[in-house]
Amino acid sequence: MFTIAQLIFILGQQPAACAELIGSMSNASVMGMAHFYQTSKGILLLVQVQGLPTEVQSCGPTFFGLHIHEGATCTGTNADPFADVGSHYNPERCAHPRHTGDLPPLINSNGNALMAVLVSSFSLADIMGRTLVIHSGPDDFSTQPTGASGEKIACGQILPCPMQNP
């Protein structure tokens, strides 16, 4: 585990990779950033999103599936604006939910979400150039092959972060 001091130190560093998340035409308000930090314990992934669809639900928050997909571009068709992202990143061809690209869901808080997770199932080299996708619904962690997480509402390509000015 990390101590608070270690996390503050890590977060003071330049992330090794980033993905700018941009919503589809029908979800144009969705935008966010994902930062991937290399640590001695794995990849620390921080995701911040705003403009998520908000639905009034009496039984708690809305969840959104989050996955690394195998494709390298956030393009597609009118029917599926992110069709070219392909399937969940799954080089070992494991059954869902054991795909390398399966991540915990985002939890909607008035259209915003913030998540931090430590992942050791992939390296930066494995995911560089691939895509990070937000889905319209929660991943049920059982339905094959994608967890029935709904349409792809936002996408970003995982790339080296631009250098920040001092």
Protein backbone atom coordinates (compact mmCIF):
# COMPACT_ATOMS: atom_id res chain seq x y z
CA MET A 1 0.00 0.00 0.00
CA PHE A 2 0.93 3.63 -0.35
CA THR A 3 1.17 6.11 2.46
CA ILE A 4 -0.38 9.53 1.99
CA ALA A 5 3.12 11.01 1.71
CA GLN A 6 3.99 8.56 -1.09
CA LEU A 7 0.82 9.41 -3.01
CA ILE A 8 1.50 13.13 -2.71
CA PHE A 9 5.02 12.52 -4.05
CA ILE A 10 3.73 10.40 -6.96
CA LEU A 11 1.07 12.95 -7.86
CA GLY A 12 3.70 15.69 -7.85
CA GLN A 13 5.40 13.92 -10.75
CA GLN A 14 4.60 14.07 -14.45
CA PRO A 15 2.24 11.19 -15.42
CA ALA A 16 3.76 8.69 -17.84
CA ALA A 17 0.66 8.57 -20.03
CA CYS A 18 -2.59 10.51 -20.45
CA ALA A 19 -5.91 10.10 -22.20
CA GLU A 20 -8.12 13.08 -22.95
CA LEU A 21 -11.67 11.75 -22.73
CA ILE A 22 -14.13 13.33 -25.17
CA GLY A 23 -17.82 12.50 -25.41
CA SER A 24 -19.63 11.28 -28.51
CA MET A 25 -21.87 13.68 -30.43
CA SER A 26 -24.88 12.56 -28.37
CA ASN A 27 -22.83 12.98 -25.16
CA ALA A 28 -20.90 16.12 -26.10
CA SER A 29 -20.87 17.43 -22.53
CA VAL A 30 -18.71 14.53 -21.35
CA MET A 31 -15.04 15.44 -21.01
CA GLY A 32 -12.21 14.44 -18.76
CA MET A 33 -8.63 13.31 -18.29
CA ALA A 34 -7.01 10.06 -17.28
CA HIS A 35 -3.45 10.07 -15.95
CA PHE A 36 -1.31 6.95 -15.73
CA TYR A 37 1.57 7.03 -13.21
CA GLN A 38 4.22 4.32 -13.18
CA THR A 39 4.95 3.19 -9.61
CA SER A 40 6.91 0.33 -8.08
CA LYS A 41 3.57 -1.32 -7.22
CA GLY A 42 1.93 -1.00 -10.66
CA ILE A 43 0.14 1.71 -12.61
CA LEU A 44 -1.72 4.31 -10.58
CA LEU A 45 -4.64 5.44 -12.74
CA LEU A 46 -6.44 8.69 -11.92
CA VAL A 47 -9.59 9.55 -13.89
CA GLN A 48 -11.54 12.80 -13.62
CA VAL A 49 -14.68 13.31 -15.72
CA GLN A 50 -17.38 15.95 -15.93
CA GLY A 51 -20.59 16.28 -17.91
CA LEU A 52 -21.73 12.69 -17.38
CA PRO A 53 -25.42 12.03 -18.04
CA THR A 54 -27.42 12.50 -14.86
CA GLU A 55 -30.56 10.53 -14.24
CA VAL A 56 -32.60 10.78 -11.10
CA GLN A 57 -32.55 7.38 -9.42
CA SER A 58 -34.16 6.60 -6.11
CA CYS A 59 -31.78 3.76 -5.31
CA GLY A 60 -28.38 5.43 -5.42
CA PRO A 61 -25.81 6.73 -7.90
CA THR A 62 -25.38 5.91 -11.57
CA PHE A 63 -22.37 3.80 -12.51
CA PHE A 64 -20.47 3.94 -15.81
CA GLY A 65 -18.33 1.13 -17.20
CA LEU A 66 -14.66 1.97 -17.80
CA HIS A 67 -12.40 -0.18 -19.95
CA ILE A 68 -9.17 -0.09 -21.89
CA HIS A 69 -10.00 -1.21 -25.44
CA GLU A 70 -7.62 -2.80 -27.93
CA GLY A 71 -8.11 -0.22 -30.70
CA ALA A 72 -5.89 2.80 -31.27
CA THR A 73 -8.41 5.40 -32.40
CA CYS A 74 -11.64 6.93 -31.12
CA THR A 75 -13.40 6.85 -34.47
CA GLY A 76 -16.37 4.95 -35.81
CA THR A 77 -19.70 5.29 -37.55
CA ASN A 78 -22.89 7.31 -37.06
CA ALA A 79 -24.45 4.33 -35.29
CA ASP A 80 -21.39 3.69 -33.09
CA PRO A 81 -19.10 6.75 -32.94
CA PHE A 82 -16.34 4.74 -31.25
CA ALA A 83 -16.68 1.46 -33.17
CA ASP A 84 -12.98 1.43 -34.06
CA VAL A 85 -11.90 0.99 -30.43
CA GLY A 86 -12.58 -2.73 -30.85
CA SER A 87 -13.04 -5.06 -27.91
CA HIS A 88 -11.80 -4.82 -24.36
CA TYR A 89 -8.02 -5.18 -24.19
CA ASN A 90 -7.63 -8.90 -23.54
CA PRO A 91 -4.34 -10.35 -24.83
CA GLU A 92 -4.70 -13.56 -22.82
CA ARG A 93 -8.25 -14.14 -24.22
CA CYS A 94 -9.68 -14.56 -20.72
CA ALA A 95 -13.40 -14.64 -19.97
CA HIS A 96 -15.03 -11.44 -18.76
CA PRO A 97 -14.44 -9.94 -16.14
CA ARG A 98 -10.83 -11.08 -16.27
CA HIS A 99 -9.87 -8.96 -19.28
CA THR A 100 -6.65 -7.06 -18.79
CA GLY A 101 -8.52 -3.87 -19.76
CA ASP A 102 -11.41 -4.26 -17.30
CA LEU A 103 -11.39 -1.44 -14.73
CA PRO A 104 -13.61 -0.47 -11.79
CA PRO A 105 -16.69 1.60 -12.69
CA LEU A 106 -16.95 5.36 -12.44
CA ILE A 107 -19.53 6.59 -9.91
CA ASN A 108 -21.60 9.57 -11.03
CA SER A 109 -21.81 12.47 -8.60
CA ASN A 110 -23.99 15.17 -10.17
CA GLY A 111 -22.37 14.62 -13.57
CA ASN A 112 -18.84 14.29 -12.21
CA ALA A 113 -16.63 11.33 -11.39
CA LEU A 114 -13.22 10.94 -9.80
CA MET A 115 -11.46 7.61 -9.50
CA ALA A 116 -8.05 6.39 -8.42
CA VAL A 117 -7.05 2.74 -8.81
CA LEU A 118 -3.79 0.81 -8.65
CA VAL A 119 -3.50 -1.74 -11.48
CA SER A 120 -0.78 -4.35 -11.91
CA SER A 121 -2.34 -6.35 -14.76
CA PHE A 122 -0.72 -4.27 -17.52
CA SER A 123 2.34 -2.16 -18.16
CA LEU A 124 2.49 1.25 -19.82
CA ALA A 125 4.04 -0.40 -22.88
CA ASP A 126 1.02 -2.74 -23.09
CA ILE A 127 -1.55 0.06 -23.23
CA MET A 128 0.26 2.93 -24.93
CA GLY A 129 -1.67 3.91 -28.06
CA ARG A 130 -4.80 1.99 -27.03
CA THR A 131 -8.07 3.62 -26.03
CA LEU A 132 -9.85 4.26 -22.73
CA VAL A 133 -13.65 4.14 -23.02
CA ILE A 134 -16.53 5.20 -20.77
CA HIS A 135 -19.76 3.24 -21.28
CA SER A 136 -23.33 4.40 -20.60
CA GLY A 137 -24.04 1.80 -17.92
CA PRO A 138 -22.30 -0.27 -15.30
CA ASP A 139 -20.31 -3.37 -16.16
CA ASP A 140 -22.14 -6.34 -14.62
CA PHE A 141 -18.85 -8.31 -14.42
CA SER A 142 -20.49 -11.45 -15.78
CA THR A 143 -22.17 -11.04 -19.20
CA GLN A 144 -19.90 -12.27 -21.99
CA PRO A 145 -17.96 -10.80 -23.61
CA THR A 146 -18.38 -7.15 -22.51
CA GLY A 147 -20.29 -6.97 -19.24
CA ALA A 148 -23.43 -5.44 -20.82
CA SER A 149 -22.11 -1.96 -20.03
CA GLY A 150 -24.00 -0.21 -22.80
CA GLU A 151 -23.01 2.22 -25.51
CA LYS A 152 -19.64 3.92 -25.63
CA ILE A 153 -20.22 7.54 -24.56
CA ALA A 154 -16.65 8.89 -24.31
CA CYS A 155 -13.21 7.88 -25.48
CA GLY A 156 -9.58 8.92 -25.32
CA GLN A 157 -6.36 7.54 -26.77
CA ILE A 158 -3.66 6.64 -24.25
CA LEU A 159 -0.53 8.56 -25.21
CA PRO A 160 2.60 9.96 -23.58
CA CYS A 161 1.63 13.13 -21.72
CA PRO A 162 2.75 16.42 -23.21
CA MET A 163 5.61 17.93 -21.27
CA GLN A 164 4.52 20.66 -18.89
CA ASN A 165 6.26 24.01 -18.87
CA PRO A 166 8.38 24.65 -15.76
